[in-house]
Amino acid sequence: MPSSAETASAPLLEINAARATIRLNRPKHLNRLQSEDLGELVKLFDRIEADPDIRVLILTGTGRAFSAGYDLNSVADRATSAREEQSAGSAFEVVVNRLEDLGVPTICRLNGGVYGGSTDLALACDFRIGVDTAEMFMPAARLGLHYYTSGIERYVTRLGVDNAKKLFLTAQKIPAPEMLRIGYLTAMVSMEMLDQEVDSLAAVLAGNAPVAMRGMKRAINEFARGKLDEEAANQRHRESMRSAEIKEGIKAFAEKRPPRF
């Protein structure tokens, strides 16, 4: 990944064959997200989902941190405004929920610390691979902020009630080994091994059946929220039994070769 000396910018997109990488790129401020970054992220998500050749998304940051979360100045402006308008939290929530519902599988490459709202951004990814020097911190209780409900739901459904309470109510920082223990990290590796671990998982995901994965990811997310569309899930199952994907998968298995989806 490029060095932290790179000029700050909105999130950057790189596409390499079946893999898309979005990199948060404000390293001087630990990749703190600005209001203009939120709209850009949604545009990039839409672009990725519209490209059938893209099979996996990696989200990462430039420099020594993944992200310091959303710009607190925007939150402060909202807190002192007399007008009732969409809050900074609402705009951020839209982005995180859009990422969680993205059709392609997603990997968060946690190259360093993850703070504030960016802890939820990473949690919205399907997998999180982090360096052993990473740390996380959810400061809502220290700031007097009641976090948006879909973010709290994600913490509870992904990490469990007790861990969600510890992280939200104590607002204490935890290190990478604890992040791994509570299930926040899918895997923890040294910085030297980070790209190899991410590349290995990305290759597996890019090689699997995209339509089947998209449908199962949707069902898993719906199960987690307690809002399964059972009829739609059953329909996807029935369609998969007659699909080109299952024909290729069975043929490849019989021929003892990797499938070509």
Protein backbone atom coordinates (compact mmCIF):
# COMPACT_ATOMS: atom_id res chain seq x y z
CA MET A 1 0.00 0.00 0.00
CA PRO A 2 1.18 3.58 -0.69
CA SER A 3 2.98 5.49 2.04
CA SER A 4 1.44 8.06 4.35
CA ALA A 5 3.32 10.79 2.50
CA GLU A 6 0.68 10.73 -0.23
CA THR A 7 -1.46 13.85 -0.66
CA ALA A 8 -4.79 13.68 1.16
CA SER A 9 -7.86 13.06 -0.96
CA ALA A 10 -11.32 11.57 -1.03
CA PRO A 11 -11.41 7.73 -0.92
CA LEU A 12 -9.50 6.13 -3.79
CA LEU A 13 -10.65 3.18 -5.87
CA GLU A 14 -8.35 0.66 -7.54
CA ILE A 15 -9.67 -2.24 -9.62
CA ASN A 16 -7.43 -5.21 -10.34
CA ALA A 17 -9.21 -8.00 -12.22
CA ALA A 18 -11.94 -9.35 -9.89
CA ARG A 19 -10.77 -7.32 -6.92
CA ALA A 20 -11.69 -3.74 -6.00
CA THR A 21 -9.83 -1.84 -3.29
CA ILE A 22 -11.12 1.35 -1.65
CA ARG A 23 -8.51 3.24 0.34
CA LEU A 24 -9.32 5.99 2.81
CA ASN A 25 -6.69 8.61 2.13
CA ARG A 26 -6.30 11.36 4.70
CA PRO A 27 -3.27 9.94 6.56
CA LYS A 28 -2.26 13.19 8.31
CA HIS A 29 -5.57 13.05 10.21
CA LEU A 30 -5.64 9.23 10.54
CA ASN A 31 -8.04 8.96 7.58
CA ARG A 32 -10.76 10.91 9.36
CA LEU A 33 -13.82 10.98 7.11
CA GLN A 34 -15.11 14.34 5.89
CA SER A 35 -18.70 15.01 4.82
CA GLU A 36 -17.70 14.96 1.14
CA ASP A 37 -16.14 11.52 1.60
CA LEU A 38 -19.48 9.98 2.50
CA GLY A 39 -21.12 10.71 -0.85
CA GLU A 40 -17.99 9.55 -2.65
CA LEU A 41 -18.04 6.22 -0.81
CA VAL A 42 -21.66 5.59 -1.81
CA LYS A 43 -20.77 6.35 -5.44
CA LEU A 44 -17.87 3.90 -5.27
CA PHE A 45 -20.08 1.21 -3.72
CA ASP A 46 -22.62 1.69 -6.51
CA ARG A 47 -19.89 1.48 -9.14
CA ILE A 48 -18.50 -1.73 -7.66
CA GLU A 49 -21.90 -3.38 -7.43
CA ALA A 50 -22.72 -2.45 -11.02
CA ASP A 51 -19.57 -4.15 -12.36
CA PRO A 52 -20.19 -7.91 -12.76
CA ASP A 53 -16.46 -8.56 -13.08
CA ILE A 54 -15.79 -7.41 -9.51
CA ARG A 55 -16.09 -10.32 -7.09
CA VAL A 56 -14.62 -8.92 -3.84
CA LEU A 57 -14.04 -5.52 -2.20
CA ILE A 58 -11.18 -4.64 0.14
CA LEU A 59 -11.50 -1.54 2.32
CA THR A 60 -8.35 -0.13 3.90
CA GLY A 61 -6.54 3.07 4.88
CA THR A 62 -3.35 4.93 4.04
CA GLY A 63 -0.64 5.24 6.67
CA ARG A 64 -0.60 4.09 10.29
CA ALA A 65 -4.34 3.92 11.00
CA PHE A 66 -7.41 2.56 9.31
CA SER A 67 -9.59 5.51 10.25
CA ALA A 68 -10.27 7.94 13.09
CA GLY A 69 -13.96 7.90 12.21
CA TYR A 70 -16.17 10.81 11.20
CA ASP A 71 -15.04 14.42 11.56
CA LEU A 72 -16.16 15.55 15.03
CA ASN A 73 -16.36 19.17 13.86
CA SER A 74 -19.35 18.18 11.71
CA VAL A 75 -20.96 16.53 14.70
CA ALA A 76 -20.30 19.64 16.82
CA ASP A 77 -21.82 21.90 14.15
CA ARG A 78 -24.93 19.77 14.16
CA ALA A 79 -25.14 19.87 17.97
CA THR A 80 -25.11 23.70 18.01
CA SER A 81 -27.39 24.22 15.01
CA ALA A 82 -30.88 25.58 15.60
CA ARG A 83 -32.18 24.00 12.39
CA GLU A 84 -33.55 20.46 12.23
CA GLU A 85 -31.76 18.68 9.39
CA GLN A 86 -30.13 15.40 8.56
CA SER A 87 -27.51 14.79 11.24
CA ALA A 88 -23.91 13.90 10.55
CA GLY A 89 -24.66 10.55 12.16
CA SER A 90 -27.57 9.93 9.81
CA ALA A 91 -25.42 10.58 6.74
CA PHE A 92 -22.70 8.29 8.08
CA GLU A 93 -25.27 5.60 8.92
CA VAL A 94 -26.44 5.54 5.29
CA VAL A 95 -22.89 4.84 4.13
CA VAL A 96 -22.24 2.07 6.66
CA ASN A 97 -25.55 0.34 5.97
CA ARG A 98 -24.90 0.54 2.23
CA LEU A 99 -21.54 -1.16 2.75
CA GLU A 100 -23.09 -3.93 4.86
CA ASP A 101 -25.68 -4.64 2.16
CA LEU A 102 -23.19 -4.63 -0.72
CA GLY A 103 -23.71 -7.70 -2.90
CA VAL A 104 -20.04 -8.65 -3.21
CA PRO A 105 -18.17 -10.02 -0.18
CA THR A 106 -16.10 -7.41 1.64
CA ILE A 107 -12.83 -7.51 3.60
CA CYS A 108 -11.63 -4.73 5.88
CA ARG A 109 -7.84 -4.57 5.82
CA LEU A 110 -7.17 -2.99 9.21
CA ASN A 111 -3.71 -1.55 8.75
CA GLY A 112 -3.82 0.16 12.17
CA GLY A 113 -6.13 1.72 14.71
CA VAL A 114 -9.87 2.00 14.19
CA TYR A 115 -11.77 4.65 16.11
CA GLY A 116 -15.28 6.08 16.51
CA GLY A 117 -17.66 5.56 13.63
CA SER A 118 -15.03 3.75 11.60
CA THR A 119 -15.32 0.84 14.05
CA ASP A 120 -18.83 0.38 12.66
CA LEU A 121 -17.64 0.90 9.09
CA ALA A 122 -15.21 -1.98 9.54
CA LEU A 123 -17.84 -4.07 11.33
CA ALA A 124 -20.14 -3.69 8.31
CA CYS A 125 -17.57 -5.62 6.25
CA ASP A 126 -17.93 -9.40 6.07
CA PHE A 127 -14.37 -10.02 7.28
CA ARG A 128 -11.82 -7.95 9.21
CA ILE A 129 -8.12 -8.81 9.05
CA GLY A 130 -6.03 -6.61 11.32
CA VAL A 131 -2.44 -6.08 12.36
CA ASP A 132 -1.40 -7.14 15.85
CA THR A 133 -0.66 -3.52 16.77
CA ALA A 134 -4.21 -2.35 16.00
CA GLU A 135 -6.58 -0.96 18.62
CA MET A 136 -10.21 0.14 18.68
CA PHE A 137 -12.12 2.79 20.57
CA MET A 138 -15.81 3.74 20.55
CA PRO A 139 -16.04 7.12 22.38
CA ALA A 140 -19.80 7.80 22.11
CA ALA A 141 -20.39 7.74 25.87
CA ARG A 142 -17.55 10.20 26.48
CA LEU A 143 -18.93 12.56 23.84
CA GLY A 144 -22.52 12.49 25.07
CA LEU A 145 -23.64 10.86 21.82
CA HIS A 146 -26.39 8.25 21.57
CA TYR A 147 -25.11 6.21 18.65
CA TYR A 148 -27.44 5.52 15.70
CA THR A 149 -29.53 2.40 16.17
CA SER A 150 -28.36 0.33 13.21
CA GLY A 151 -24.78 0.70 14.46
CA ILE A 152 -25.74 -0.50 17.93
CA GLU A 153 -27.63 -3.39 16.33
CA ARG A 154 -24.53 -4.34 14.33
CA TYR A 155 -22.39 -4.39 17.48
CA VAL A 156 -24.94 -6.53 19.33
CA THR A 157 -25.55 -9.03 16.52
CA ARG A 158 -21.87 -9.33 15.55
CA LEU A 159 -20.18 -9.16 18.95
CA GLY A 160 -22.88 -10.04 21.48
CA VAL A 161 -24.68 -8.02 24.14
CA ASP A 162 -21.92 -8.07 26.77
CA ASN A 163 -19.19 -6.95 24.36
CA ALA A 164 -21.42 -4.26 22.89
CA LYS A 165 -22.11 -2.90 26.39
CA LYS A 166 -18.43 -2.94 27.29
CA LEU A 167 -17.38 -1.07 24.16
CA PHE A 168 -20.21 1.48 24.11
CA LEU A 169 -20.76 2.12 27.81
CA THR A 170 -17.16 2.14 29.09
CA ALA A 171 -15.71 3.88 26.00
CA GLN A 172 -12.44 2.10 26.74
CA LYS A 173 -9.78 1.35 24.17
CA ILE A 174 -8.99 -2.31 23.52
CA PRO A 175 -5.92 -3.84 21.77
CA ALA A 176 -5.79 -6.23 18.83
CA PRO A 177 -5.69 -9.48 20.88
CA GLU A 178 -8.91 -8.45 22.64
CA MET A 179 -10.43 -7.43 19.30
CA LEU A 180 -9.70 -10.96 18.10
CA ARG A 181 -11.04 -12.59 21.27
CA ILE A 182 -14.44 -10.87 21.08
CA GLY A 183 -14.79 -11.64 17.37
CA TYR A 184 -14.23 -8.15 16.04
CA LEU A 185 -11.23 -9.39 14.08
CA THR A 186 -11.56 -12.38 11.78
CA ALA A 187 -7.78 -12.79 11.91
CA MET A 188 -4.83 -10.99 13.51
CA VAL A 189 -1.44 -10.93 11.81
CA SER A 190 1.84 -9.04 11.81
CA MET A 191 2.17 -6.09 9.45
CA GLU A 192 4.54 -8.17 7.33
CA MET A 193 1.84 -10.82 6.84
CA LEU A 194 -1.15 -8.50 6.41
CA ASP A 195 -1.24 -8.36 2.62
CA GLN A 196 -0.62 -12.09 2.28
CA GLU A 197 -3.53 -12.88 4.60
CA VAL A 198 -5.85 -10.43 2.84
CA ASP A 199 -4.79 -11.66 -0.61
CA SER A 200 -5.41 -15.29 0.37
CA LEU A 201 -8.94 -14.61 1.60
CA ALA A 202 -9.73 -12.34 -1.36
CA ALA A 203 -8.64 -15.08 -3.79
CA VAL A 204 -10.95 -17.60 -2.11
CA LEU A 205 -13.91 -15.24 -2.23
CA ALA A 206 -13.24 -14.17 -5.83
CA GLY A 207 -13.20 -17.82 -6.88
CA ASN A 208 -16.58 -18.78 -5.41
CA ALA A 209 -19.99 -18.56 -7.09
CA PRO A 210 -20.97 -14.85 -7.01
CA VAL A 211 -24.75 -15.22 -7.28
CA ALA A 212 -24.89 -17.89 -4.58
CA MET A 213 -22.65 -15.83 -2.30
CA ARG A 214 -24.71 -12.69 -2.85
CA GLY A 215 -27.91 -14.48 -1.89
CA MET A 216 -26.45 -16.23 1.15
CA LYS A 217 -24.86 -13.00 2.38
CA ARG A 218 -28.25 -11.32 2.18
CA ALA A 219 -29.90 -14.15 4.11
CA ILE A 220 -27.20 -14.15 6.79
CA ASN A 221 -27.57 -10.39 7.29
CA GLU A 222 -31.35 -10.72 7.46
CA PHE A 223 -31.06 -13.55 10.00
CA ALA A 224 -28.74 -11.40 12.11
CA ARG A 225 -31.31 -8.58 12.13
CA GLY A 226 -34.18 -10.95 12.83
CA LYS A 227 -35.82 -9.85 9.59
CA LEU A 228 -35.44 -12.78 7.19
CA ASP A 229 -37.41 -12.55 3.95
CA GLU A 230 -38.02 -16.30 3.95
CA GLU A 231 -39.96 -16.37 0.69
CA ALA A 232 -37.19 -14.53 -1.18
CA ALA A 233 -34.49 -16.72 0.36
CA ASN A 234 -36.37 -19.90 -0.57
CA GLN A 235 -36.83 -18.58 -4.10
CA ARG A 236 -33.10 -17.94 -4.42
CA HIS A 237 -32.43 -21.48 -3.18
CA ARG A 238 -34.78 -23.00 -5.77
CA GLU A 239 -33.27 -20.92 -8.57
CA SER A 240 -29.75 -21.96 -7.56
CA MET A 241 -30.69 -25.61 -8.08
CA ARG A 242 -31.23 -24.88 -11.80
CA SER A 243 -28.50 -22.29 -12.25
CA ALA A 244 -25.45 -22.20 -14.48
CA GLU A 245 -23.37 -21.82 -11.33
CA ILE A 246 -24.38 -25.16 -9.83
CA LYS A 247 -23.87 -26.91 -13.18
CA GLU A 248 -20.33 -25.54 -13.39
CA GLY A 249 -19.65 -26.27 -9.72
CA ILE A 250 -20.69 -29.92 -9.99
CA LYS A 251 -18.82 -30.36 -13.27
CA ALA A 252 -15.65 -28.86 -11.80
CA PHE A 253 -15.93 -31.08 -8.73
CA ALA A 254 -16.27 -34.17 -10.92
CA GLU A 255 -13.31 -33.10 -13.06
CA LYS A 256 -11.23 -32.25 -9.96
CA ARG A 257 -10.51 -28.70 -11.05
CA PRO A 258 -11.33 -25.22 -9.74
CA PRO A 259 -14.73 -23.98 -10.94
CA ARG A 260 -14.91 -21.11 -13.45
CA PHE A 261 -17.83 -18.94 -12.47
